[in-house]
N, C-alpha and C. Protein backbone atom coordinates (compact mmCIF):
# COMPACT_ATOMS: atom_id res chain seq x y z
N UNK A 1 -10.10 9.37 -5.69
CA UNK A 1 -10.88 10.17 -6.32
C UNK A 1 -12.17 9.32 -6.15
N UNK A 2 -12.21 7.99 -6.03
CA UNK A 2 -13.40 7.09 -5.81
C UNK A 2 -13.89 7.67 -4.62
N UNK A 3 -13.89 8.11 -3.58
CA UNK A 3 -14.57 8.47 -2.83
C UNK A 3 -15.46 9.39 -2.95
N UNK A 4 -15.13 10.34 -3.92
CA UNK A 4 -16.34 11.47 -4.41
C UNK A 4 -17.42 10.82 -5.37
N UNK A 5 -17.29 9.51 -5.43
CA UNK A 5 -18.33 9.37 -6.37
C UNK A 5 -19.70 8.61 -5.87
N UNK A 6 -20.67 9.17 -6.05
CA UNK A 6 -22.08 9.33 -5.26
C UNK A 6 -22.47 7.74 -5.18
N UNK A 7 -23.05 6.81 -4.10
CA UNK A 7 -23.38 5.99 -4.11
C UNK A 7 -24.51 6.23 -2.77
N UNK A 8 -25.78 5.70 -3.45
CA UNK A 8 -26.90 5.65 -2.16
C UNK A 8 -26.71 4.86 -0.97
N UNK A 9 -27.38 5.53 0.18
CA UNK A 9 -26.98 5.04 1.47
C UNK A 9 -27.85 4.30 1.77
N UNK A 10 -28.21 3.13 2.01
CA UNK A 10 -29.33 1.91 2.43
C UNK A 10 -29.86 2.52 3.71
N UNK A 11 -29.25 2.58 4.94
CA UNK A 11 -29.88 3.46 6.36
C UNK A 11 -30.42 4.71 5.78
N UNK A 12 -29.82 5.64 5.04
CA UNK A 12 -30.57 6.65 4.59
C UNK A 12 -32.00 6.48 4.27
N UNK A 13 -31.92 5.55 3.23
CA UNK A 13 -33.28 4.96 2.91
C UNK A 13 -34.12 4.91 3.24
N UNK A 14 -33.58 3.51 4.57
CA UNK A 14 -34.86 3.07 5.91
C UNK A 14 -35.03 4.25 6.47
N UNK A 15 -34.59 5.32 6.89
CA UNK A 15 -34.87 6.43 7.47
C UNK A 15 -36.33 7.30 6.59
N UNK A 16 -35.90 7.21 5.48
CA UNK A 16 -36.90 7.95 4.80
C UNK A 16 -38.24 7.20 4.44
N UNK A 17 -37.78 6.31 4.20
CA UNK A 17 -39.20 4.92 4.24
C UNK A 17 -40.24 4.93 5.60
N UNK A 18 -39.19 4.85 6.57
CA UNK A 18 -39.75 4.94 7.82
C UNK A 18 -40.46 6.23 8.32
N UNK A 19 -40.24 7.42 7.57
CA UNK A 19 -40.80 8.89 7.90
C UNK A 19 -41.64 8.63 6.67
N UNK A 20 -41.57 8.15 5.80
CA UNK A 20 -42.61 8.11 5.05
C UNK A 20 -44.05 7.08 5.66
N UNK A 21 -43.60 5.99 5.97
CA UNK A 21 -44.61 5.10 6.62
C UNK A 21 -45.59 5.89 7.63
N UNK A 22 -44.62 6.64 8.56
CA UNK A 22 -44.95 7.56 9.92
C UNK A 22 -45.87 8.17 9.31
N UNK A 23 -45.54 9.44 8.49
CA UNK A 23 -46.68 10.14 7.81
C UNK A 23 -47.98 9.58 7.35
N UNK A 24 -48.01 8.13 6.51
CA UNK A 24 -49.23 7.56 6.24
C UNK A 24 -50.03 7.44 7.28
N UNK A 25 -49.43 6.96 8.35
CA UNK A 25 -49.69 6.59 9.66
C UNK A 25 -51.04 7.80 9.91
N UNK A 26 -50.37 8.75 10.20
CA UNK A 26 -51.14 10.10 10.32
C UNK A 26 -52.08 10.40 9.66
N UNK A 27 -51.82 10.38 8.49
CA UNK A 27 -52.95 10.81 7.62
C UNK A 27 -54.12 9.69 7.94
N UNK A 28 -53.85 8.30 8.01
CA UNK A 28 -54.72 7.17 7.90
C UNK A 28 -55.70 7.60 9.19
N UNK A 29 -54.89 8.11 10.28
CA UNK A 29 -55.59 8.33 11.75
C UNK A 29 -56.50 9.23 11.43
N UNK A 30 -55.92 10.61 10.82
CA UNK A 30 -56.85 11.79 10.36
C UNK A 30 -58.15 11.18 9.59
N UNK A 31 -57.93 10.28 8.72
CA UNK A 31 -59.25 9.98 7.68
C UNK A 31 -60.05 9.39 8.47
N UNK A 32 -59.59 8.58 9.75
CA UNK A 32 -60.57 7.61 10.23
C UNK A 32 -61.06 8.77 11.18
N UNK A 33 -60.65 9.49 11.86
CA UNK A 33 -61.37 10.43 12.82
C UNK A 33 -62.37 11.46 12.18
N UNK A 34 -62.08 11.65 10.86
CA UNK A 34 -63.03 12.57 9.97
C UNK A 34 -64.10 11.76 10.02
N UNK A 35 -64.06 10.58 9.26
CA UNK A 35 -64.92 9.93 8.99
C UNK A 35 -66.00 9.60 10.27
N UNK A 36 -65.34 9.45 11.20
CA UNK A 36 -66.17 8.83 12.44
C UNK A 36 -66.88 10.22 12.94
N UNK A 37 -66.12 11.51 12.74
CA UNK A 37 -66.97 12.43 13.57
C UNK A 37 -68.30 12.96 12.22
N UNK A 38 -67.84 12.70 11.05
CA UNK A 38 -68.66 12.79 9.73
C UNK A 38 -70.16 12.17 10.20
N UNK A 39 -69.73 10.89 10.76
CA UNK A 39 -70.62 9.94 11.02
C UNK A 39 -71.53 10.49 12.13
N UNK A 40 -70.83 10.81 13.28
CA UNK A 40 -71.52 11.23 14.13
C UNK A 40 -72.35 12.47 14.20
N UNK A 41 -72.02 13.01 13.59
CA UNK A 41 -72.64 14.87 13.12
C UNK A 41 -73.84 14.41 12.34
N UNK A 42 -74.15 13.54 11.60
CA UNK A 42 -75.09 13.22 10.67
C UNK A 42 -75.64 12.43 11.44
N UNK A 43 -75.90 11.97 12.82
CA UNK A 43 -77.16 10.97 13.20
C UNK A 43 -77.41 12.04 14.49
N UNK A 44 -76.99 13.48 14.67
CA UNK A 44 -77.37 14.19 15.34
C UNK A 44 -78.78 14.92 15.04
N UNK A 45 -79.76 14.77 15.75
CA UNK A 45 -81.27 15.02 15.31
C UNK A 45 -81.31 16.54 15.76
N UNK A 46 -81.12 17.11 16.93
CA UNK A 46 -81.17 18.22 17.50
C UNK A 46 -80.16 19.54 16.77
N UNK A 47 -79.63 18.97 15.83
CA UNK A 47 -78.24 19.94 15.49
C UNK A 47 -78.94 20.23 13.99
N UNK A 48 -79.24 21.78 14.11
CA UNK A 48 -79.99 22.26 12.82
C UNK A 48 -79.19 23.42 12.18
N UNK A 49 -79.59 23.79 11.14
CA UNK A 49 -79.09 25.39 10.93
C UNK A 49 -78.25 25.50 10.09
N UNK A 50 -77.64 26.78 10.15
CA UNK A 50 -76.36 27.14 9.43
C UNK A 50 -75.23 26.35 9.91
N UNK A 51 -75.14 26.08 11.29
CA UNK A 51 -73.82 25.81 11.72
C UNK A 51 -73.75 24.40 11.12
N UNK A 52 -75.00 23.58 11.12
CA UNK A 52 -74.83 22.27 10.71
C UNK A 52 -74.51 22.17 9.32
N UNK A 53 -74.50 23.18 8.48
CA UNK A 53 -74.54 23.12 7.10
C UNK A 53 -73.00 23.23 6.76
N UNK A 54 -72.46 24.35 7.77
CA UNK A 54 -71.02 24.62 7.54
C UNK A 54 -70.26 23.32 7.82
N UNK A 55 -70.57 22.64 9.22
CA UNK A 55 -69.93 21.83 9.28
C UNK A 55 -69.68 20.45 8.61
N UNK A 56 -70.95 20.42 8.19
CA UNK A 56 -70.98 19.08 7.22
C UNK A 56 -70.05 19.22 5.97
N UNK A 57 -70.13 20.72 5.32
CA UNK A 57 -69.72 20.97 4.23
C UNK A 57 -68.00 21.08 4.80
N UNK A 58 -67.97 21.44 5.71
CA UNK A 58 -66.44 21.30 5.86
C UNK A 58 -65.94 19.87 6.11
N UNK A 59 -66.53 19.33 6.46
CA UNK A 59 -66.21 17.65 6.77
C UNK A 59 -66.56 17.02 5.55
N UNK A 60 -67.40 17.16 4.85
CA UNK A 60 -67.14 16.74 3.09
C UNK A 60 -66.41 16.75 2.60
N UNK A 61 -65.82 18.05 2.62
CA UNK A 61 -64.44 18.60 1.64
C UNK A 61 -63.02 17.71 2.18
N UNK A 62 -62.81 17.75 3.57
CA UNK A 62 -61.88 17.22 4.52
C UNK A 62 -61.82 15.80 4.22
N UNK A 63 -62.99 14.93 4.19
CA UNK A 63 -62.66 13.36 3.90
C UNK A 63 -62.57 13.33 2.29
N UNK A 64 -63.13 14.35 1.62
CA UNK A 64 -63.19 14.02 0.03
C UNK A 64 -61.51 13.97 -0.23
N UNK A 65 -60.98 14.81 0.38
CA UNK A 65 -59.28 15.20 0.09
C UNK A 65 -58.30 14.32 0.96
N UNK A 66 -58.69 13.88 2.14
CA UNK A 66 -57.99 12.85 2.53
C UNK A 66 -58.53 11.24 2.16
N UNK A 67 -59.33 10.76 1.39
CA UNK A 67 -59.59 9.68 0.76
C UNK A 67 -58.34 9.81 -0.56
N UNK A 68 -58.08 10.79 -1.33
CA UNK A 68 -57.11 10.49 -1.83
C UNK A 68 -55.93 9.95 -1.43
N UNK A 69 -55.39 10.33 0.01
CA UNK A 69 -54.56 9.75 0.59
C UNK A 69 -54.68 8.46 1.60
N UNK A 70 -56.09 8.12 1.25
CA UNK A 70 -55.99 6.61 2.42
C UNK A 70 -56.46 5.38 1.34
N UNK A 71 -55.91 4.58 2.19
CA UNK A 71 -55.99 3.00 1.16
C UNK A 71 -54.80 2.67 0.60
N UNK A 72 -55.13 1.83 -0.05
CA UNK A 72 -53.86 1.32 -1.18
C UNK A 72 -54.04 2.00 -2.10
N UNK A 73 -52.53 2.01 -2.92
CA UNK A 73 -52.58 2.99 -4.18
C UNK A 73 -52.50 4.45 -3.97
N UNK A 74 -52.79 4.86 -2.82
CA UNK A 74 -52.78 6.40 -2.71
C UNK A 74 -51.18 7.00 -2.85
N UNK A 75 -50.70 8.10 -3.32
CA UNK A 75 -49.10 8.61 -3.43
C UNK A 75 -48.45 8.32 -2.64
N UNK A 76 -48.78 8.27 -1.39
CA UNK A 76 -47.65 8.12 -0.20
C UNK A 76 -47.42 6.43 -0.58
N UNK A 77 -48.38 6.10 -0.42
CA UNK A 77 -48.31 4.32 -0.17
C UNK A 77 -47.23 3.69 -1.38
N UNK A 78 -47.45 4.49 -2.56
CA UNK A 78 -46.80 4.09 -3.81
C UNK A 78 -45.23 4.84 -3.58
N UNK A 79 -44.75 5.83 -2.72
CA UNK A 79 -43.57 6.47 -2.37
C UNK A 79 -42.95 5.59 -1.80
N UNK A 80 -43.58 5.18 -0.62
CA UNK A 80 -43.43 4.05 0.42
C UNK A 80 -42.53 2.81 -0.36
N UNK A 81 -43.65 2.01 -1.78
CA UNK A 81 -43.21 1.12 -2.08
C UNK A 81 -41.62 1.22 -2.88
N UNK A 82 -41.82 2.46 -3.49
CA UNK A 82 -40.83 2.83 -4.42
C UNK A 82 -39.66 3.11 -3.75
N UNK A 83 -39.45 3.57 -2.69
CA UNK A 83 -38.04 3.16 -1.80
C UNK A 83 -37.90 2.29 -1.39
N UNK A 84 -38.76 1.39 -1.02
CA UNK A 84 -38.33 0.00 -0.53
C UNK A 84 -37.72 -0.92 -1.92
N UNK A 85 -38.70 -0.54 -2.67
CA UNK A 85 -37.99 -1.32 -4.26
C UNK A 85 -36.69 -1.00 -4.23
N UNK A 86 -36.27 0.44 -4.08
CA UNK A 86 -34.97 0.85 -4.54
C UNK A 86 -33.98 0.25 -3.64
N UNK A 87 -34.31 0.28 -2.57
CA UNK A 87 -33.56 -0.18 -1.16
C UNK A 87 -32.91 -1.56 -1.56
N UNK A 88 -34.26 -2.20 -2.06
CA UNK A 88 -33.85 -3.93 -2.28
C UNK A 88 -33.13 -3.80 -3.26
N UNK A 89 -33.27 -3.17 -4.41
CA UNK A 89 -32.55 -3.59 -5.74
C UNK A 89 -31.19 -2.22 -5.56
N UNK A 90 -30.89 -1.38 -4.88
CA UNK A 90 -29.62 -0.72 -5.27
C UNK A 90 -28.52 -1.48 -5.32
N UNK A 91 -28.25 -2.58 -4.51
CA UNK A 91 -26.93 -3.56 -4.47
C UNK A 91 -26.75 -3.76 -6.01
N UNK A 92 -27.61 -4.43 -6.23
CA UNK A 92 -27.72 -5.16 -7.68
C UNK A 92 -27.64 -4.05 -8.83
N UNK A 93 -28.07 -2.79 -8.78
CA UNK A 93 -27.48 -1.68 -9.73
C UNK A 93 -26.16 -1.62 -9.49
N UNK A 94 -25.71 -1.46 -8.48
CA UNK A 94 -24.30 -0.77 -8.38
C UNK A 94 -23.58 -1.92 -8.81
N UNK A 95 -23.71 -3.49 -8.35
CA UNK A 95 -22.90 -4.56 -9.02
C UNK A 95 -22.88 -4.84 -10.65
N UNK A 96 -24.06 -4.61 -10.70
CA UNK A 96 -24.41 -5.41 -12.15
C UNK A 96 -24.83 -4.30 -13.40
N UNK A 97 -24.92 -3.22 -13.17
CA UNK A 97 -25.69 -1.91 -13.97
C UNK A 97 -24.22 -1.72 -15.10
N UNK A 98 -23.90 -2.15 -16.18
CA UNK A 98 -22.78 -1.36 -17.08
C UNK A 98 -22.50 -0.44 -17.33
N UNK A 99 -23.94 0.70 -17.40
CA UNK A 99 -23.32 2.03 -17.49
C UNK A 99 -22.90 2.59 -16.52
N UNK A 100 -23.50 2.34 -15.38
CA UNK A 100 -22.78 2.16 -14.00
C UNK A 100 -21.17 2.56 -13.49
N UNK A 101 -20.87 1.09 -13.78
CA UNK A 101 -19.88 0.74 -13.68
C UNK A 101 -18.95 1.59 -14.80
N UNK A 102 -19.25 1.80 -16.10
CA UNK A 102 -18.71 2.68 -16.82
C UNK A 102 -18.61 4.21 -16.54
N UNK A 103 -19.42 4.79 -15.74
CA UNK A 103 -19.34 6.11 -15.26
C UNK A 103 -18.59 5.84 -14.20
N UNK A 104 -18.39 5.00 -13.50
CA UNK A 104 -17.76 5.17 -12.22
C UNK A 104 -16.13 4.91 -12.61
N UNK A 105 -15.96 4.53 -13.30
CA UNK A 105 -14.50 4.21 -14.24
C UNK A 105 -14.02 5.40 -14.76
N UNK A 106 -14.72 6.60 -14.97
CA UNK A 106 -14.16 7.50 -15.54
C UNK A 106 -14.27 8.47 -14.22
N UNK A 107 -14.82 8.18 -13.17
CA UNK A 107 -14.36 9.12 -12.13
C UNK A 107 -13.16 8.87 -11.37
N UNK A 108 -12.58 7.63 -11.49
CA UNK A 108 -11.54 7.14 -10.93
C UNK A 108 -10.23 7.63 -11.51
C-alpha cells in the first residue's frame, strides 16, 4: 500500500521550472520588442494623425501590462523561484517532517 502514497517527483518539478523559465524568456523578449517599437514610433516625425494616436495608445497599454511580467519580482519569476525552492527542499521535507511521517504511517 505504500506505493499509493503521493510523493513529489523532482524530475517533473524540473520540467515545470524549465517551462516557466521558457515562458518568462518569451515575455521578456515581447517586452523588449514592444518597448523598442514604441521608441521607434515616437521618433517618426512624418507619422501623424489618428493612426499614430491609436498605435501609440495600443503600445502604451501593451507595455504597461507587460511591465508587470518583466524584471525581477514579477509573478512568473516568483513562481520559478518557488518551484526551485520546493525542489531543493522536498527531500528534507520527506525525510524530516514529523507530520508527513505520521501521515505516511497511516497509509501503510
